[in-house]
PDB file of N, CA and C in Angstrom:
ATOM      1  N   MET A   1      13.456  31.546   4.400  1.00  0.00           N
ATOM      2  CA  MET A   1      14.384  32.523   3.856  1.00  0.00           C
ATOM      3  C   MET A   1      13.706  33.257   2.709  1.00  0.00           C
ATOM      4  N   ASN A   2      13.841  34.547   2.703  1.00  0.00           N
ATOM      5  CA  ASN A   2      13.216  35.360   1.662  1.00  0.00           C
ATOM      6  C   ASN A   2      14.033  35.347   0.385  1.00  0.00           C
ATOM      7  N   LYS A   3      13.379  35.641  -0.697  1.00  0.00           N
ATOM      8  CA  LYS A   3      14.054  35.752  -1.986  1.00  0.00           C
ATOM      9  C   LYS A   3      14.943  36.985  -1.977  1.00  0.00           C
ATOM     10  N   VAL A   4      15.974  36.949  -2.778  1.00  0.00           N
ATOM     11  CA  VAL A   4      16.844  38.110  -2.940  1.00  0.00           C
ATOM     12  C   VAL A   4      16.687  38.596  -4.370  1.00  0.00           C
ATOM     13  N   TYR A   5      16.423  39.861  -4.527  1.00  0.00           N
ATOM     14  CA  TYR A   5      16.238  40.456  -5.844  1.00  0.00           C
ATOM     15  C   TYR A   5      17.402  41.378  -6.147  1.00  0.00           C
ATOM     16  N   VAL A   6      17.869  41.352  -7.358  1.00  0.00           N
ATOM     17  CA  VAL A   6      18.843  42.322  -7.817  1.00  0.00           C
ATOM     18  C   VAL A   6      18.061  43.306  -8.671  1.00  0.00           C
ATOM     19  N   VAL A   7      18.049  44.548  -8.260  1.00  0.00           N
ATOM     20  CA  VAL A   7      17.234  45.554  -8.922  1.00  0.00           C
ATOM     21  C   VAL A   7      18.097  46.386  -9.851  1.00  0.00           C
ATOM     22  N   MET A   8      17.673  46.500 -11.078  1.00  0.00           N
ATOM     23  CA  MET A   8      18.367  47.334 -12.043  1.00  0.00           C
ATOM     24  C   MET A   8      17.406  48.409 -12.529  1.00  0.00           C
ATOM     25  N   LYS A   9      17.932  49.572 -12.782  1.00  0.00           N
ATOM     26  CA  LYS A   9      17.120  50.686 -13.225  1.00  0.00           C
ATOM     27  C   LYS A   9      16.258  50.294 -14.425  1.00  0.00           C
ATOM     28  N   GLY A  10      14.989  50.610 -14.338  1.00  0.00           N
ATOM     29  CA  GLY A  10      14.093  50.352 -15.451  1.00  0.00           C
ATOM     30  C   GLY A  10      13.402  48.999 -15.416  1.00  0.00           C
ATOM     31  N   TYR A  11      13.690  48.186 -14.398  1.00  0.00           N
ATOM     32  CA  TYR A  11      13.086  46.862 -14.308  1.00  0.00           C
ATOM     33  C   TYR A  11      12.118  46.806 -13.137  1.00  0.00           C
ATOM     34  N   ASP A  12      11.004  46.129 -13.341  1.00  0.00           N
ATOM     35  CA  ASP A  12      10.005  45.950 -12.300  1.00  0.00           C
ATOM     36  C   ASP A  12       9.898  44.453 -12.025  1.00  0.00           C
ATOM     37  N   TYR A  13       9.977  44.073 -10.772  1.00  0.00           N
ATOM     38  CA  TYR A  13       9.927  42.662 -10.415  1.00  0.00           C
ATOM     39  C   TYR A  13       8.593  42.332  -9.780  1.00  0.00           C
ATOM     40  N   GLU A  14       7.820  41.488 -10.453  1.00  0.00           N
ATOM     41  CA  GLU A  14       6.547  41.052  -9.904  1.00  0.00           C
ATOM     42  C   GLU A  14       6.806  40.113  -8.738  1.00  0.00           C
ATOM     43  N   GLY A  15       5.969  40.173  -7.755  1.00  0.00           N
ATOM     44  CA  GLY A  15       6.091  39.278  -6.625  1.00  0.00           C
ATOM     45  C   GLY A  15       6.960  39.809  -5.497  1.00  0.00           C
ATOM     46  N   TYR A  16       7.565  40.958  -5.668  1.00  0.00           N
ATOM     47  CA  TYR A  16       8.393  41.545  -4.621  1.00  0.00           C
ATOM     48  C   TYR A  16       7.509  41.976  -3.459  1.00  0.00           C
ATOM     49  N   THR A  17       7.927  41.663  -2.237  1.00  0.00           N
ATOM     50  CA  THR A  17       7.184  42.084  -1.053  1.00  0.00           C
ATOM     51  C   THR A  17       8.100  42.903  -0.150  1.00  0.00           C
ATOM     52  N   ASP A  18       7.509  43.548   0.840  1.00  0.00           N
ATOM     53  CA  ASP A  18       8.279  44.372   1.773  1.00  0.00           C
ATOM     54  C   ASP A  18       9.216  43.551   2.652  1.00  0.00           C
ATOM     55  N   ASN A  19       9.031  42.238   2.689  1.00  0.00           N
ATOM     56  CA  ASN A  19       9.893  41.380   3.496  1.00  0.00           C
ATOM     57  C   ASN A  19      11.112  40.876   2.744  1.00  0.00           C
ATOM     58  N   ASP A  20      11.184  41.152   1.455  1.00  0.00           N
ATOM     59  CA  ASP A  20      12.295  40.679   0.638  1.00  0.00           C
ATOM     60  C   ASP A  20      13.483  41.629   0.717  1.00  0.00           C
ATOM     61  N   MET A  21      14.684  41.046   0.664  1.00  0.00           N
ATOM     62  CA  MET A  21      15.925  41.827   0.671  1.00  0.00           C
ATOM     63  C   MET A  21      16.271  42.230  -0.754  1.00  0.00           C
ATOM     64  N   ILE A  22      16.798  43.425  -0.921  1.00  0.00           N
ATOM     65  CA  ILE A  22      17.211  43.918  -2.228  1.00  0.00           C
ATOM     66  C   ILE A  22      18.720  44.124  -2.202  1.00  0.00           C
ATOM     67  N   SER A  23      19.426  43.504  -3.155  1.00  0.00           N
ATOM     68  CA  SER A  23      20.865  43.683  -3.276  1.00  0.00           C
ATOM     69  C   SER A  23      21.159  44.629  -4.421  1.00  0.00           C
ATOM     70  N   ILE A  24      21.948  45.641  -4.134  1.00  0.00           N
ATOM     71  CA  ILE A  24      22.394  46.589  -5.149  1.00  0.00           C
ATOM     72  C   ILE A  24      23.870  46.305  -5.385  1.00  0.00           C
ATOM     73  N   VAL A  25      24.212  45.925  -6.606  1.00  0.00           N
ATOM     74  CA  VAL A  25      25.594  45.586  -6.942  1.00  0.00           C
ATOM     75  C   VAL A  25      26.122  46.650  -7.890  1.00  0.00           C
ATOM     76  N   THR A  26      27.249  47.263  -7.527  1.00  0.00           N
ATOM     77  CA  THR A  26      27.815  48.298  -8.378  1.00  0.00           C
ATOM     78  C   THR A  26      29.340  48.261  -8.304  1.00  0.00           C
ATOM     79  N   GLY A  27      29.962  48.642  -9.388  1.00  0.00           N
ATOM     80  CA  GLY A  27      31.415  48.718  -9.436  1.00  0.00           C
ATOM     81  C   GLY A  27      31.899  50.064  -8.952  1.00  0.00           C
ATOM     82  N   THR A  28      33.140  50.090  -8.478  1.00  0.00           N
ATOM     83  CA  THR A  28      33.739  51.345  -8.055  1.00  0.00           C
ATOM     84  C   THR A  28      35.234  51.324  -8.370  1.00  0.00           C
ATOM     85  N   LEU A  29      35.740  52.464  -8.747  1.00  0.00           N
ATOM     86  CA  LEU A  29      37.167  52.647  -8.982  1.00  0.00           C
ATOM     87  C   LEU A  29      37.500  54.099  -8.680  1.00  0.00           C
ATOM     88  N   ASN A  30      38.175  54.316  -7.565  1.00  0.00           N
ATOM     89  CA  ASN A  30      38.573  55.665  -7.137  1.00  0.00           C
ATOM     90  C   ASN A  30      37.374  56.608  -7.045  1.00  0.00           C
ATOM     91  N   ARG A  31      36.356  56.191  -6.320  1.00  0.00           N
ATOM     92  CA  ARG A  31      35.137  56.989  -6.136  1.00  0.00           C
ATOM     93  C   ARG A  31      34.883  57.302  -4.667  1.00  0.00           C
ATOM     94  N   LEU A  32      35.941  57.465  -3.895  1.00  0.00           N
ATOM     95  CA  LEU A  32      35.815  57.734  -2.472  1.00  0.00           C
ATOM     96  C   LEU A  32      34.872  58.903  -2.193  1.00  0.00           C
ATOM     97  N   GLY A  33      34.963  59.947  -2.962  1.00  0.00           N
ATOM     98  CA  GLY A  33      34.136  61.133  -2.741  1.00  0.00           C
ATOM     99  C   GLY A  33      32.650  60.902  -2.951  1.00  0.00           C
ATOM    100  N   MET A  34      32.285  59.869  -3.692  1.00  0.00           N
ATOM    101  CA  MET A  34      30.886  59.593  -3.984  1.00  0.00           C
ATOM    102  C   MET A  34      30.262  58.581  -3.012  1.00  0.00           C
ATOM    103  N   LEU A  35      31.078  57.839  -2.288  1.00  0.00           N
ATOM    104  CA  LEU A  35      30.569  56.773  -1.435  1.00  0.00           C
ATOM    105  C   LEU A  35      29.646  57.234  -0.309  1.00  0.00           C
ATOM    106  N   PRO A  36      29.962  58.316   0.415  1.00  0.00           N
ATOM    107  CA  PRO A  36      29.047  58.720   1.486  1.00  0.00           C
ATOM    108  C   PRO A  36      27.619  58.972   0.991  1.00  0.00           C
ATOM    109  N   ASN A  37      27.481  59.596  -0.156  1.00  0.00           N
ATOM    110  CA  ASN A  37      26.149  59.852  -0.709  1.00  0.00           C
ATOM    111  C   ASN A  37      25.465  58.560  -1.125  1.00  0.00           C
ATOM    112  N   LEU A  38      26.212  57.659  -1.767  1.00  0.00           N
ATOM    113  CA  LEU A  38      25.658  56.369  -2.172  1.00  0.00           C
ATOM    114  C   LEU A  38      25.169  55.582  -0.957  1.00  0.00           C
ATOM    115  N   ILE A  39      25.979  55.529   0.068  1.00  0.00           N
ATOM    116  CA  ILE A  39      25.629  54.789   1.277  1.00  0.00           C
ATOM    117  C   ILE A  39      24.429  55.424   1.975  1.00  0.00           C
ATOM    118  N   SER A  40      24.425  56.737   2.050  1.00  0.00           N
ATOM    119  CA  SER A  40      23.310  57.452   2.665  1.00  0.00           C
ATOM    120  C   SER A  40      21.990  57.182   1.957  1.00  0.00           C
ATOM    121  N   ASN A  41      22.036  57.080   0.633  1.00  0.00           N
ATOM    122  CA  ASN A  41      20.816  56.890  -0.150  1.00  0.00           C
ATOM    123  C   ASN A  41      20.423  55.422  -0.307  1.00  0.00           C
ATOM    124  N   THR A  42      21.202  54.518   0.244  1.00  0.00           N
ATOM    125  CA  THR A  42      20.878  53.089   0.123  1.00  0.00           C
ATOM    126  C   THR A  42      20.717  52.479   1.509  1.00  0.00           C
ATOM    127  N   VAL A  43      21.761  51.874   2.029  1.00  0.00           N
ATOM    128  CA  VAL A  43      21.650  51.100   3.264  1.00  0.00           C
ATOM    129  C   VAL A  43      21.278  51.922   4.498  1.00  0.00           C
ATOM    130  N   LEU A  44      21.610  53.201   4.514  1.00  0.00           N
ATOM    131  CA  LEU A  44      21.235  54.021   5.660  1.00  0.00           C
ATOM    132  C   LEU A  44      19.787  54.489   5.585  1.00  0.00           C
ATOM    133  N   SER A  45      19.179  54.361   4.410  1.00  0.00           N
ATOM    134  CA  SER A  45      17.795  54.810   4.253  1.00  0.00           C
ATOM    135  C   SER A  45      16.784  53.668   4.286  1.00  0.00           C
ATOM    136  N   ASP A  46      17.241  52.423   4.146  1.00  0.00           N
ATOM    137  CA  ASP A  46      16.308  51.298   4.086  1.00  0.00           C
ATOM    138  C   ASP A  46      17.031  50.031   4.538  1.00  0.00           C
ATOM    139  N   ASP A  47      16.560  49.421   5.606  1.00  0.00           N
ATOM    140  CA  ASP A  47      17.251  48.238   6.133  1.00  0.00           C
ATOM    141  C   ASP A  47      17.007  46.980   5.305  1.00  0.00           C
ATOM    142  N   ARG A  48      16.207  47.072   4.245  1.00  0.00           N
ATOM    143  CA  ARG A  48      16.011  45.943   3.331  1.00  0.00           C
ATOM    144  C   ARG A  48      17.057  45.925   2.220  1.00  0.00           C
ATOM    145  N   LEU A  49      17.894  46.952   2.171  1.00  0.00           N
ATOM    146  CA  LEU A  49      18.883  47.060   1.107  1.00  0.00           C
ATOM    147  C   LEU A  49      20.238  46.541   1.550  1.00  0.00           C
ATOM    148  N   GLU A  50      20.895  45.878   0.614  1.00  0.00           N
ATOM    149  CA  GLU A  50      22.274  45.444   0.789  1.00  0.00           C
ATOM    150  C   GLU A  50      23.068  46.061  -0.356  1.00  0.00           C
ATOM    151  N   LEU A  51      24.203  46.640  -0.043  1.00  0.00           N
ATOM    152  CA  LEU A  51      25.048  47.263  -1.052  1.00  0.00           C
ATOM    153  C   LEU A  51      26.295  46.406  -1.251  1.00  0.00           C
ATOM    154  N   VAL A  52      26.486  45.902  -2.469  1.00  0.00           N
ATOM    155  CA  VAL A  52      27.657  45.100  -2.810  1.00  0.00           C
ATOM    156  C   VAL A  52      28.533  45.951  -3.716  1.00  0.00           C
ATOM    157  N   LEU A  53      29.696  46.330  -3.213  1.00  0.00           N
ATOM    158  CA  LEU A  53      30.620  47.175  -3.966  1.00  0.00           C
ATOM    159  C   LEU A  53      31.756  46.312  -4.511  1.00  0.00           C
ATOM    160  N   VAL A  54      31.944  46.372  -5.819  1.00  0.00           N
ATOM    161  CA  VAL A  54      33.005  45.619  -6.483  1.00  0.00           C
ATOM    162  C   VAL A  54      34.094  46.620  -6.860  1.00  0.00           C
ATOM    163  N   ASP A  55      35.219  46.552  -6.162  1.00  0.00           N
ATOM    164  CA  ASP A  55      36.286  47.522  -6.385  1.00  0.00           C
ATOM    165  C   ASP A  55      37.321  46.976  -7.358  1.00  0.00           C
ATOM    166  N   GLY A  56      37.641  47.789  -8.358  1.00  0.00           N
ATOM    167  CA  GLY A  56      38.559  47.380  -9.414  1.00  0.00           C
ATOM    168  C   GLY A  56      39.997  47.783  -9.196  1.00  0.00           C
ATOM    169  N   GLY A  57      40.383  48.090  -7.940  1.00  0.00           N
ATOM    170  CA  GLY A  57      41.770  48.455  -7.663  1.00  0.00           C
ATOM    171  C   GLY A  57      41.950  49.915  -7.314  1.00  0.00           C
ATOM    172  N   SER A  58      41.039  50.466  -6.571  1.00  0.00           N
ATOM    173  CA  SER A  58      41.112  51.883  -6.195  1.00  0.00           C
ATOM    174  C   SER A  58      42.392  52.206  -5.451  1.00  0.00           C
ATOM    175  N   SER A  59      42.885  53.425  -5.681  1.00  0.00           N
ATOM    176  CA  SER A  59      44.103  53.886  -5.003  1.00  0.00           C
ATOM    177  C   SER A  59      43.861  55.168  -4.210  1.00  0.00           C
ATOM    178  N   ASP A  60      42.582  55.537  -4.042  1.00  0.00           N
ATOM    179  CA  ASP A  60      42.247  56.795  -3.375  1.00  0.00           C
ATOM    180  C   ASP A  60      41.700  56.612  -1.964  1.00  0.00           C
ATOM    181  N   GLY A  61      41.799  55.414  -1.408  1.00  0.00           N
ATOM    182  CA  GLY A  61      41.292  55.163  -0.061  1.00  0.00           C
ATOM    183  C   GLY A  61      39.890  54.578  -0.037  1.00  0.00           C
ATOM    184  N   THR A  62      39.329  54.295  -1.194  1.00  0.00           N
ATOM    185  CA  THR A  62      37.979  53.730  -1.280  1.00  0.00           C
ATOM    186  C   THR A  62      37.850  52.448  -0.462  1.00  0.00           C
ATOM    187  N   VAL A  63      38.763  51.516  -0.661  1.00  0.00           N
ATOM    188  CA  VAL A  63      38.693  50.217   0.019  1.00  0.00           C
ATOM    189  C   VAL A  63      38.820  50.390   1.531  1.00  0.00           C
ATOM    190  N   ASP A  64      39.765  51.197   1.978  1.00  0.00           N
ATOM    191  CA  ASP A  64      39.950  51.427   3.412  1.00  0.00           C
ATOM    192  C   ASP A  64      38.696  52.045   4.029  1.00  0.00           C
ATOM    193  N   TYR A  65      38.083  52.984   3.321  1.00  0.00           N
ATOM    194  CA  TYR A  65      36.862  53.637   3.804  1.00  0.00           C
ATOM    195  C   TYR A  65      35.738  52.610   3.984  1.00  0.00           C
ATOM    196  N   ILE A  66      35.535  51.775   2.999  1.00  0.00           N
ATOM    197  CA  ILE A  66      34.475  50.769   3.062  1.00  0.00           C
ATOM    198  C   ILE A  66      34.739  49.801   4.218  1.00  0.00           C
ATOM    199  N   LYS A  67      35.981  49.371   4.353  1.00  0.00           N
ATOM    200  CA  LYS A  67      36.326  48.422   5.417  1.00  0.00           C
ATOM    201  C   LYS A  67      36.128  49.027   6.801  1.00  0.00           C
ATOM    202  N   GLN A  68      36.492  50.288   6.989  1.00  0.00           N
ATOM    203  CA  GLN A  68      36.365  50.899   8.312  1.00  0.00           C
ATOM    204  C   GLN A  68      34.918  51.134   8.707  1.00  0.00           C
ATOM    205  N   LEU A  69      34.022  51.195   7.724  1.00  0.00           N
ATOM    206  CA  LEU A  69      32.597  51.331   8.043  1.00  0.00           C
ATOM    207  C   LEU A  69      32.089  50.098   8.787  1.00  0.00           C
ATOM    208  N   ASN A  70      32.583  48.929   8.391  1.00  0.00           N
ATOM    209  CA  ASN A  70      32.192  47.672   9.026  1.00  0.00           C
ATOM    210  C   ASN A  70      30.671  47.577   9.169  1.00  0.00           C
ATOM    211  N   HIS A  71      29.965  47.917   8.105  1.00  0.00           N
ATOM    212  CA  HIS A  71      28.502  47.935   8.099  1.00  0.00           C
ATOM    213  C   HIS A  71      27.985  46.576   7.627  1.00  0.00           C
ATOM    214  N   PRO A  72      27.051  45.971   8.362  1.00  0.00           N
ATOM    215  CA  PRO A  72      26.580  44.633   8.000  1.00  0.00           C
ATOM    216  C   PRO A  72      25.841  44.559   6.661  1.00  0.00           C
ATOM    217  N   GLN A  73      25.370  45.690   6.153  1.00  0.00           N
ATOM    218  CA  GLN A  73      24.640  45.692   4.888  1.00  0.00           C
ATOM    219  C   GLN A  73      25.516  46.106   3.705  1.00  0.00           C
ATOM    220  N   ILE A  74      26.815  46.285   3.952  1.00  0.00           N
ATOM    221  CA  ILE A  74      27.738  46.651   2.882  1.00  0.00           C
ATOM    222  C   ILE A  74      28.762  45.537   2.719  1.00  0.00           C
ATOM    223  N   LYS A  75      28.814  44.998   1.515  1.00  0.00           N
ATOM    224  CA  LYS A  75      29.768  43.939   1.191  1.00  0.00           C
ATOM    225  C   LYS A  75      30.786  44.493   0.201  1.00  0.00           C
ATOM    226  N   LEU A  76      32.035  44.094   0.342  1.00  0.00           N
ATOM    227  CA  LEU A  76      33.098  44.544  -0.549  1.00  0.00           C
ATOM    228  C   LEU A  76      33.709  43.350  -1.249  1.00  0.00           C
ATOM    229  N   ILE A  77      33.825  43.465  -2.568  1.00  0.00           N
ATOM    230  CA  ILE A  77      34.529  42.471  -3.368  1.00  0.00           C
ATOM    231  C   ILE A  77      35.669  43.202  -4.058  1.00  0.00           C
ATOM    232  N   GLU A  78      36.885  42.774  -3.797  1.00  0.00           N
ATOM    233  CA  GLU A  78      38.056  43.396  -4.404  1.00  0.00           C
ATOM    234  C   GLU A  78      38.527  42.521  -5.567  1.00  0.00           C
ATOM    235  N   VAL A  79      38.581  43.107  -6.746  1.00  0.00           N
ATOM    236  CA  VAL A  79      39.020  42.353  -7.915  1.00  0.00           C
ATOM    237  C   VAL A  79      40.366  42.851  -8.442  1.00  0.00           C
ATOM    238  N   GLY A  80      41.001  43.776  -7.738  1.00  0.00           N
ATOM    239  CA  GLY A  80      42.321  44.252  -8.138  1.00  0.00           C
ATOM    240  C   GLY A  80      42.291  44.962  -9.474  1.00  0.00           C
ATOM    241  N   GLY A  81      43.384  45.206 -10.084  1.00  0.00           N
ATOM    242  CA  GLY A  81      43.558  45.998 -11.283  1.00  0.00           C
ATOM    243  C   GLY A  81      42.536  45.892 -12.415  1.00  0.00           C
ATOM    244  N   ARG A  82      41.296  45.734 -12.101  1.00  0.00           N
ATOM    245  CA  ARG A  82      40.242  45.714 -13.127  1.00  0.00           C
ATOM    246  C   ARG A  82      39.184  46.735 -12.759  1.00  0.00           C
ATOM    247  N   SER A  83      38.506  47.263 -13.761  1.00  0.00           N
ATOM    248  CA  SER A  83      37.424  48.213 -13.477  1.00  0.00           C
ATOM    249  C   SER A  83      36.162  47.803 -14.202  1.00  0.00           C
TER     250      SER A  83
END
């Protein structure tokens, strides 16, 4: 099993190889309009990327949109009324 790296802007991880999976974890709250671009620039552009979206209680259809994608590289965590 390969290592999993969480990549944050401005950080360089020594030892990373092309076989390693990269998890991108980000919060979202009512950002439905921004999701297609985020998804296009992450999991649709590189199969080594996993996108973990933490939703704080969106009311604009964000959660439904993510669920209907049913993409194996996109994970959704719903935390309800928190952002």
